[in-house]
C-alpha atoms as a PDB file:
ATOM      1  CA  UNK A   1      37.580 -17.074   6.830  1.00  0.00           C
ATOM      2  CA  UNK A   2      35.554 -14.010   6.598  1.00  0.00           C
ATOM      3  CA  UNK A   3      36.613 -10.749   6.681  1.00  0.00           C
ATOM      4  CA  UNK A   4      36.609  -8.086   9.812  1.00  0.00           C
ATOM      5  CA  UNK A   5      33.881  -5.633   9.220  1.00  0.00           C
ATOM      6  CA  UNK A   6      36.693  -2.919   8.683  1.00  0.00           C
ATOM      7  CA  UNK A   7      38.190  -5.100   5.778  1.00  0.00           C
ATOM      8  CA  UNK A   8      34.493  -5.714   4.324  1.00  0.00           C
ATOM      9  CA  UNK A   9      33.807  -1.781   4.370  1.00  0.00           C
ATOM     10  CA  UNK A  10      37.096  -0.591   2.997  1.00  0.00           C
ATOM     11  CA  UNK A  11      37.254  -3.317   0.389  1.00  0.00           C
ATOM     12  CA  UNK A  12      40.574  -3.118  -1.732  1.00  0.00           C
ATOM     13  CA  UNK A  13      41.664   0.031   0.052  1.00  0.00           C
ATOM     14  CA  UNK A  14      42.251  -2.400   3.272  1.00  0.00           C
ATOM     15  CA  UNK A  15      45.264  -3.905   1.394  1.00  0.00           C
ATOM     16  CA  UNK A  16      46.770  -0.393   1.482  1.00  0.00           C
ATOM     17  CA  UNK A  17      46.877  -0.388   5.428  1.00  0.00           C
ATOM     18  CA  UNK A  18      50.001  -0.907   7.018  1.00  0.00           C
ATOM     19  CA  UNK A  19      50.449  -4.729   7.673  1.00  0.00           C
ATOM     20  CA  UNK A  20      50.377  -4.042  11.501  1.00  0.00           C
ATOM     21  CA  UNK A  21      47.181  -2.009  11.042  1.00  0.00           C
ATOM     22  CA  UNK A  22      45.608  -4.699   8.919  1.00  0.00           C
ATOM     23  CA  UNK A  23      46.593  -7.177  11.723  1.00  0.00           C
ATOM     24  CA  UNK A  24      44.923  -5.003  14.381  1.00  0.00           C
ATOM     25  CA  UNK A  25      41.785  -4.371  12.604  1.00  0.00           C
ATOM     26  CA  UNK A  26      41.501  -7.560  10.680  1.00  0.00           C
ATOM     27  CA  UNK A  27      40.227 -10.060  13.050  1.00  0.00           C
ATOM     28  CA  UNK A  28      36.670 -11.312  13.571  1.00  0.00           C
ATOM     29  CA  UNK A  29      34.516 -13.587  15.752  1.00  0.00           C
ATOM     30  CA  UNK A  30      36.124 -16.636  13.975  1.00  0.00           C
ATOM     31  CA  UNK A  31      39.698 -15.819  14.426  1.00  0.00           C
ATOM     32  CA  UNK A  32      39.714 -17.124  18.358  1.00  0.00           C
ATOM     33  CA  UNK A  33      41.787 -14.109  19.254  1.00  0.00           C
ATOM     34  CA  UNK A  34      41.272 -10.825  21.152  1.00  0.00           C
ATOM     35  CA  UNK A  35      43.626  -7.702  21.059  1.00  0.00           C
ATOM     36  CA  UNK A  36      44.897  -5.961  24.198  1.00  0.00           C
ATOM     37  CA  UNK A  37      46.009  -2.566  23.620  1.00  0.00           C
ATOM     38  CA  UNK A  38      48.383  -1.263  26.536  1.00  0.00           C
ATOM     39  CA  UNK A  39      50.144   1.769  26.482  1.00  0.00           C
ATOM     40  CA  UNK A  40      50.310   5.366  27.611  1.00  0.00           C
ATOM     41  CA  UNK A  41      48.316   8.614  26.573  1.00  0.00           C
ATOM     42  CA  UNK A  42      50.830  11.494  26.518  1.00  0.00           C
ATOM     43  CA  UNK A  43      47.982  13.700  26.941  1.00  0.00           C
ATOM     44  CA  UNK A  44      44.197  13.404  27.760  1.00  0.00           C
ATOM     45  CA  UNK A  45      42.417  16.655  27.410  1.00  0.00           C
ATOM     46  CA  UNK A  46      39.107  18.444  27.395  1.00  0.00           C
ATOM     47  CA  UNK A  47      37.450  21.232  26.198  1.00  0.00           C
ATOM     48  CA  UNK A  48      36.787  24.831  27.900  1.00  0.00           C
ATOM     49  CA  UNK A  49      34.979  24.875  31.068  1.00  0.00           C
ATOM     50  CA  UNK A  50      31.644  24.805  29.454  1.00  0.00           C
ATOM     51  CA  UNK A  51      31.971  21.404  28.034  1.00  0.00           C
ATOM     52  CA  UNK A  52      32.129  19.926  31.683  1.00  0.00           C
ATOM     53  CA  UNK A  53      28.693  19.231  31.756  1.00  0.00           C
ATOM     54  CA  UNK A  54      28.186  17.534  28.893  1.00  0.00           C
ATOM     55  CA  UNK A  55      31.298  15.318  29.485  1.00  0.00           C
ATOM     56  CA  UNK A  56      29.996  14.254  32.821  1.00  0.00           C
ATOM     57  CA  UNK A  57      26.537  13.356  31.443  1.00  0.00           C
ATOM     58  CA  UNK A  58      28.392  11.140  28.951  1.00  0.00           C
ATOM     59  CA  UNK A  59      30.419   9.541  31.745  1.00  0.00           C
ATOM     60  CA  UNK A  60      27.071   8.049  32.969  1.00  0.00           C
ATOM     61  CA  UNK A  61      27.129   5.812  30.025  1.00  0.00           C
ATOM     62  CA  UNK A  62      30.782   5.481  29.230  1.00  0.00           C
ATOM     63  CA  UNK A  63      30.671   8.030  26.442  1.00  0.00           C
ATOM     64  CA  UNK A  64      33.731  10.383  27.334  1.00  0.00           C
ATOM     65  CA  UNK A  65      34.203  11.987  30.617  1.00  0.00           C
ATOM     66  CA  UNK A  66      35.517  15.316  31.789  1.00  0.00           C
ATOM     67  CA  UNK A  67      38.862  14.310  33.516  1.00  0.00           C
ATOM     68  CA  UNK A  68      42.128  15.359  31.927  1.00  0.00           C
ATOM     69  CA  UNK A  69      45.753  14.624  32.607  1.00  0.00           C
ATOM     70  CA  UNK A  70      49.243  13.503  31.191  1.00  0.00           C
ATOM     71  CA  UNK A  71      51.324  10.526  30.841  1.00  0.00           C
ATOM     72  CA  UNK A  72      47.851   8.389  31.312  1.00  0.00           C
ATOM     73  CA  UNK A  73      48.150   4.427  31.400  1.00  0.00           C
ATOM     74  CA  UNK A  74      45.347   3.089  29.422  1.00  0.00           C
ATOM     75  CA  UNK A  75      44.117  -0.158  27.928  1.00  0.00           C
ATOM     76  CA  UNK A  76      41.836  -0.882  25.110  1.00  0.00           C
ATOM     77  CA  UNK A  77      39.876  -4.370  25.013  1.00  0.00           C
ATOM     78  CA  UNK A  78      39.260  -5.570  21.591  1.00  0.00           C
ATOM     79  CA  UNK A  79      36.908  -8.330  21.173  1.00  0.00           C
ATOM     80  CA  UNK A  80      35.068  -9.981  18.159  1.00  0.00           C
ATOM     81  CA  UNK A  81      31.957 -11.759  18.636  1.00  0.00           C
ATOM     82  CA  UNK A  82      28.418 -12.293  17.105  1.00  0.00           C
ATOM     83  CA  UNK A  83      25.810 -10.498  18.999  1.00  0.00           C
ATOM     84  CA  UNK A  84      22.673 -11.834  20.076  1.00  0.00           C
ATOM     85  CA  UNK A  85      20.966 -10.101  16.756  1.00  0.00           C
ATOM     86  CA  UNK A  86      23.293 -12.194  14.764  1.00  0.00           C
ATOM     87  CA  UNK A  87      25.615  -9.227  13.648  1.00  0.00           C
ATOM     88  CA  UNK A  88      29.503  -9.553  13.751  1.00  0.00           C
ATOM     89  CA  UNK A  89      30.590  -7.157  16.296  1.00  0.00           C
ATOM     90  CA  UNK A  90      33.810  -5.484  17.589  1.00  0.00           C
ATOM     91  CA  UNK A  91      34.598  -3.790  20.827  1.00  0.00           C
ATOM     92  CA  UNK A  92      36.584  -1.146  21.648  1.00  0.00           C
ATOM     93  CA  UNK A  93      36.656  -0.956  25.526  1.00  0.00           C
ATOM     94  CA  UNK A  94      38.734   1.725  26.517  1.00  0.00           C
ATOM     95  CA  UNK A  95      39.901   2.116  30.426  1.00  0.00           C
ATOM     96  CA  UNK A  96      41.907   5.470  31.302  1.00  0.00           C
ATOM     97  CA  UNK A  97      43.669   5.571  34.671  1.00  0.00           C
ATOM     98  CA  UNK A  98      43.389   9.100  35.607  1.00  0.00           C
ATOM     99  CA  UNK A  99      43.449   8.654  39.397  1.00  0.00           C
ATOM    100  CA  UNK A 100      40.288   6.638  39.034  1.00  0.00           C
ATOM    101  CA  UNK A 101      39.300   4.518  36.317  1.00  0.00           C
ATOM    102  CA  UNK A 102      37.515   6.219  33.428  1.00  0.00           C
ATOM    103  CA  UNK A 103      35.754   4.099  30.609  1.00  0.00           C
ATOM    104  CA  UNK A 104      34.917   5.011  27.124  1.00  0.00           C
ATOM    105  CA  UNK A 105      32.993   1.849  25.318  1.00  0.00           C
ATOM    106  CA  UNK A 106      32.348   1.407  21.737  1.00  0.00           C
ATOM    107  CA  UNK A 107      30.558  -1.459  19.734  1.00  0.00           C
ATOM    108  CA  UNK A 108      30.992  -1.778  16.221  1.00  0.00           C
ATOM    109  CA  UNK A 109      28.869  -3.389  13.675  1.00  0.00           C
ATOM    110  CA  UNK A 110      28.215  -3.256   9.889  1.00  0.00           C
ATOM    111  CA  UNK A 111      24.953  -2.010   8.598  1.00  0.00           C
ATOM    112  CA  UNK A 112      25.061  -4.418   5.359  1.00  0.00           C
ATOM    113  CA  UNK A 113      22.451  -1.992   3.566  1.00  0.00           C
ATOM    114  CA  UNK A 114      25.205   0.867   3.425  1.00  0.00           C
ATOM    115  CA  UNK A 115      28.092  -1.183   3.989  1.00  0.00           C
ATOM    116  CA  UNK A 116      28.705   1.525   6.822  1.00  0.00           C
ATOM    117  CA  UNK A 117      30.632   0.522   9.976  1.00  0.00           C
ATOM    118  CA  UNK A 118      28.174   1.797  12.856  1.00  0.00           C
ATOM    119  CA  UNK A 119      29.704   2.812  16.380  1.00  0.00           C
ATOM    120  CA  UNK A 120      26.923   2.111  19.163  1.00  0.00           C
ATOM    121  CA  UNK A 121      28.643   4.220  21.891  1.00  0.00           C
ATOM    122  CA  UNK A 122      27.998   3.633  25.735  1.00  0.00           C
ATOM    123  CA  UNK A 123      27.019   0.888  27.786  1.00  0.00           C
ATOM    124  CA  UNK A 124      23.333   0.866  26.556  1.00  0.00           C
ATOM    125  CA  UNK A 125      23.835   1.565  22.703  1.00  0.00           C
ATOM    126  CA  UNK A 126      21.368   4.729  22.712  1.00  0.00           C
ATOM    127  CA  UNK A 127      23.910   6.408  20.337  1.00  0.00           C
ATOM    128  CA  UNK A 128      24.293   4.731  16.908  1.00  0.00           C
ATOM    129  CA  UNK A 129      27.230   6.713  14.854  1.00  0.00           C
ATOM    130  CA  UNK A 130      28.107   6.416  11.233  1.00  0.00           C
ATOM    131  CA  UNK A 131      31.845   5.854  10.748  1.00  0.00           C
ATOM    132  CA  UNK A 132      33.463   6.714   7.665  1.00  0.00           C
ATOM    133  CA  UNK A 133      36.715   4.860   6.907  1.00  0.00           C
ATOM    134  CA  UNK A 134      39.881   6.122   5.000  1.00  0.00           C
ATOM    135  CA  UNK A 135      43.255   5.048   4.528  1.00  0.00           C
ATOM    136  CA  UNK A 136      46.386   7.863   5.540  1.00  0.00           C
ATOM    137  CA  UNK A 137      49.526   7.861   3.078  1.00  0.00           C
ATOM    138  CA  UNK A 138      51.493   6.167   5.746  1.00  0.00           C
ATOM    139  CA  UNK A 139      49.034   3.519   5.789  1.00  0.00           C
ATOM    140  CA  UNK A 140      47.424   4.400   8.983  1.00  0.00           C
ATOM    141  CA  UNK A 141      43.358   4.159   9.245  1.00  0.00           C
ATOM    142  CA  UNK A 142      41.464   7.403   9.721  1.00  0.00           C
ATOM    143  CA  UNK A 143      38.015   7.503  11.081  1.00  0.00           C
ATOM    144  CA  UNK A 144      35.707  10.538  10.934  1.00  0.00           C
ATOM    145  CA  UNK A 145      32.207   9.967  12.740  1.00  0.00           C
ATOM    146  CA  UNK A 146      28.938  11.183  10.686  1.00  0.00           C
ATOM    147  CA  UNK A 147      25.512  11.269  11.470  1.00  0.00           C
ATOM    148  CA  UNK A 148      24.073  10.128  14.915  1.00  0.00           C
ATOM    149  CA  UNK A 149      20.766   8.761  15.883  1.00  0.00           C
ATOM    150  CA  UNK A 150      19.453   8.357  19.120  1.00  0.00           C
ATOM    151  CA  UNK A 151      17.149   5.071  20.255  1.00  0.00           C
ATOM    152  CA  UNK A 152      15.281   4.613  23.332  1.00  0.00           C
ATOM    153  CA  UNK A 153      12.402   2.094  23.163  1.00  0.00           C
ATOM    154  CA  UNK A 154      10.119   3.477  20.661  1.00  0.00           C
ATOM    155  CA  UNK A 155      11.934   6.803  20.640  1.00  0.00           C
ATOM    156  CA  UNK A 156      14.280   7.443  17.595  1.00  0.00           C
ATOM    157  CA  UNK A 157      15.629  10.862  16.207  1.00  0.00           C
ATOM    158  CA  UNK A 158      18.687  11.946  14.627  1.00  0.00           C
ATOM    159  CA  UNK A 159      20.554  13.660  17.408  1.00  0.00           C
ATOM    160  CA  UNK A 160      21.095  17.143  17.096  1.00  0.00           C
ATOM    161  CA  UNK A 161      25.153  17.709  16.105  1.00  0.00           C
ATOM    162  CA  UNK A 162      25.051  21.116  18.197  1.00  0.00           C
ATOM    163  CA  UNK A 163      24.910  19.016  21.440  1.00  0.00           C
ATOM    164  CA  UNK A 164      27.398  16.376  20.251  1.00  0.00           C
ATOM    165  CA  UNK A 165      30.620  16.460  18.287  1.00  0.00           C
ATOM    166  CA  UNK A 166      32.554  14.873  15.337  1.00  0.00           C
ATOM    167  CA  UNK A 167      35.072  12.333  16.167  1.00  0.00           C
ATOM    168  CA  UNK A 168      38.401  12.400  14.468  1.00  0.00           C
ATOM    169  CA  UNK A 169      40.369   9.031  15.096  1.00  0.00           C
ATOM    170  CA  UNK A 170      43.779   8.262  13.382  1.00  0.00           C
ATOM    171  CA  UNK A 171      45.567   5.009  14.202  1.00  0.00           C
ATOM    172  CA  UNK A 172      48.633   4.099  12.498  1.00  0.00           C
ATOM    173  CA  UNK A 173      52.188   2.077  13.234  1.00  0.00           C
ATOM    174  CA  UNK A 174      55.200   3.767  13.619  1.00  0.00           C
ATOM    175  CA  UNK A 175      58.313   1.573  12.422  1.00  0.00           C
ATOM    176  CA  UNK A 176      60.685   4.032  14.008  1.00  0.00           C
ATOM    177  CA  UNK A 177      59.564   3.032  17.392  1.00  0.00           C
ATOM    178  CA  UNK A 178      57.990  -0.225  16.802  1.00  0.00           C
ATOM    179  CA  UNK A 179      54.624   0.980  18.691  1.00  0.00           C
ATOM    180  CA  UNK A 180      51.153   1.772  17.376  1.00  0.00           C
ATOM    181  CA  UNK A 181      50.194   5.531  17.665  1.00  0.00           C
ATOM    182  CA  UNK A 182      46.796   7.116  18.266  1.00  0.00           C
ATOM    183  CA  UNK A 183      45.094  10.567  17.992  1.00  0.00           C
ATOM    184  CA  UNK A 184      41.511  11.353  18.839  1.00  0.00           C
ATOM    185  CA  UNK A 185      39.842  14.837  18.861  1.00  0.00           C
ATOM    186  CA  UNK A 186      35.982  15.409  19.359  1.00  0.00           C
ATOM    187  CA  UNK A 187      35.156  18.746  18.070  1.00  0.00           C
ATOM    188  CA  UNK A 188      31.855  20.845  17.785  1.00  0.00           C
ATOM    189  CA  UNK A 189      31.416  23.143  15.392  1.00  0.00           C
ATOM    190  CA  UNK A 190      29.806  25.797  17.823  1.00  0.00           C
ATOM    191  CA  UNK A 191      31.528  24.977  20.920  1.00  0.00           C
ATOM    192  CA  UNK A 192      34.980  24.186  19.485  1.00  0.00           C
ATOM    193  CA  UNK A 193      37.213  21.091  20.655  1.00  0.00           C
ATOM    194  CA  UNK A 194      35.521  19.183  23.207  1.00  0.00           C
ATOM    195  CA  UNK A 195      37.480  15.985  24.152  1.00  0.00           C
ATOM    196  CA  UNK A 196      40.647  14.146  22.907  1.00  0.00           C
ATOM    197  CA  UNK A 197      43.544  12.041  23.729  1.00  0.00           C
ATOM    198  CA  UNK A 198      47.172  11.355  21.770  1.00  0.00           C
ATOM    199  CA  UNK A 199      49.610   8.319  22.925  1.00  0.00           C
ATOM    200  CA  UNK A 200      51.182   5.220  22.046  1.00  0.00           C
ATOM    201  CA  UNK A 201      50.550   1.556  22.552  1.00  0.00           C
ATOM    202  CA  UNK A 202      51.504  -2.153  22.109  1.00  0.00           C
ATOM    203  CA  UNK A 203      49.052  -4.997  20.823  1.00  0.00           C
ATOM    204  CA  UNK A 204      48.704  -8.449  22.917  1.00  0.00           C
ATOM    205  CA  UNK A 205      47.033 -11.135  21.061  1.00  0.00           C
ATOM    206  CA  UNK A 206      45.377 -13.674  23.424  1.00  0.00           C
ATOM    207  CA  UNK A 207      43.480 -17.045  22.347  1.00  0.00           C
ATOM    208  CA  UNK A 208      39.780 -17.038  23.188  1.00  0.00           C
ATOM    209  CA  UNK A 209      36.720 -19.060  22.568  1.00  0.00           C
ATOM    210  CA  UNK A 210      34.231 -17.614  20.557  1.00  0.00           C
ATOM    211  CA  UNK A 211      31.532 -19.618  22.065  1.00  0.00           C
ATOM    212  CA  UNK A 212      32.421 -18.312  25.490  1.00  0.00           C
ATOM    213  CA  UNK A 213      32.698 -14.557  25.293  1.00  0.00           C
ATOM    214  CA  UNK A 214      32.301 -12.947  28.847  1.00  0.00           C
ATOM    215  CA  UNK A 215      29.094 -11.605  29.722  1.00  0.00           C
ATOM    216  CA  UNK A 216      30.955  -8.774  31.310  1.00  0.00           C
ATOM    217  CA  UNK A 217      32.315  -7.029  28.018  1.00  0.00           C
ATOM    218  CA  UNK A 218      28.850  -7.086  26.508  1.00  0.00           C
ATOM    219  CA  UNK A 219      26.641  -3.847  26.327  1.00  0.00           C
ATOM    220  CA  UNK A 220      23.858  -3.397  29.145  1.00  0.00           C
ATOM    221  CA  UNK A 221      21.344  -3.890  25.824  1.00  0.00           C
ATOM    222  CA  UNK A 222      21.523  -4.576  22.093  1.00  0.00           C
ATOM    223  CA  UNK A 223      19.706  -2.008  19.470  1.00  0.00           C
ATOM    224  CA  UNK A 224      18.552  -3.783  16.393  1.00  0.00           C
ATOM    225  CA  UNK A 225      18.209  -0.448  14.424  1.00  0.00           C
ATOM    226  CA  UNK A 226      21.110   1.285  12.738  1.00  0.00           C
END
């Protein structure tokens, strides 16, 4: 069976991940499985008042949102499929129940030229973000976002980081509780902390037919440029 995009990019380091993290990030379109993360965010937070307009704009395309709260139920739908451009794709479709549902969608592919995971954020894949992967001492997966590029029709440019943020993501398995843990923080060098969440979850695995992936989980459009 082919490797997942994460295993391909990490290479031998993938084996240093905790076995449960290897399982969670090791499936692909040929696995016949999807993973549903279900849990509670101890806290969903946002930055200071001046970050609200930025987060509100992001909410239009399921890229962050201005809502915040504690003990927030959430799910993350993780599907693996081959997109219309022939690329192995993994979704992280996050739904937060903050009185009303908020979405934070991501579609991951691998740029074969650079052996780099690319995160297409939101519903229309306007924003392509480089993801840098590493393994923590406890076998957790660390992800730090890098360069961001905006694509819309003939328009293409590097997105100015002063209007965006760097995401720090840490996912690990807690052997003491038998649950997964996640911490996410998005920060801007000028404006400070923008958005984030921290919580725990379990993973449910379900059988799926790779030839019949629901259209509802697909992005509104797919961007060919990395």
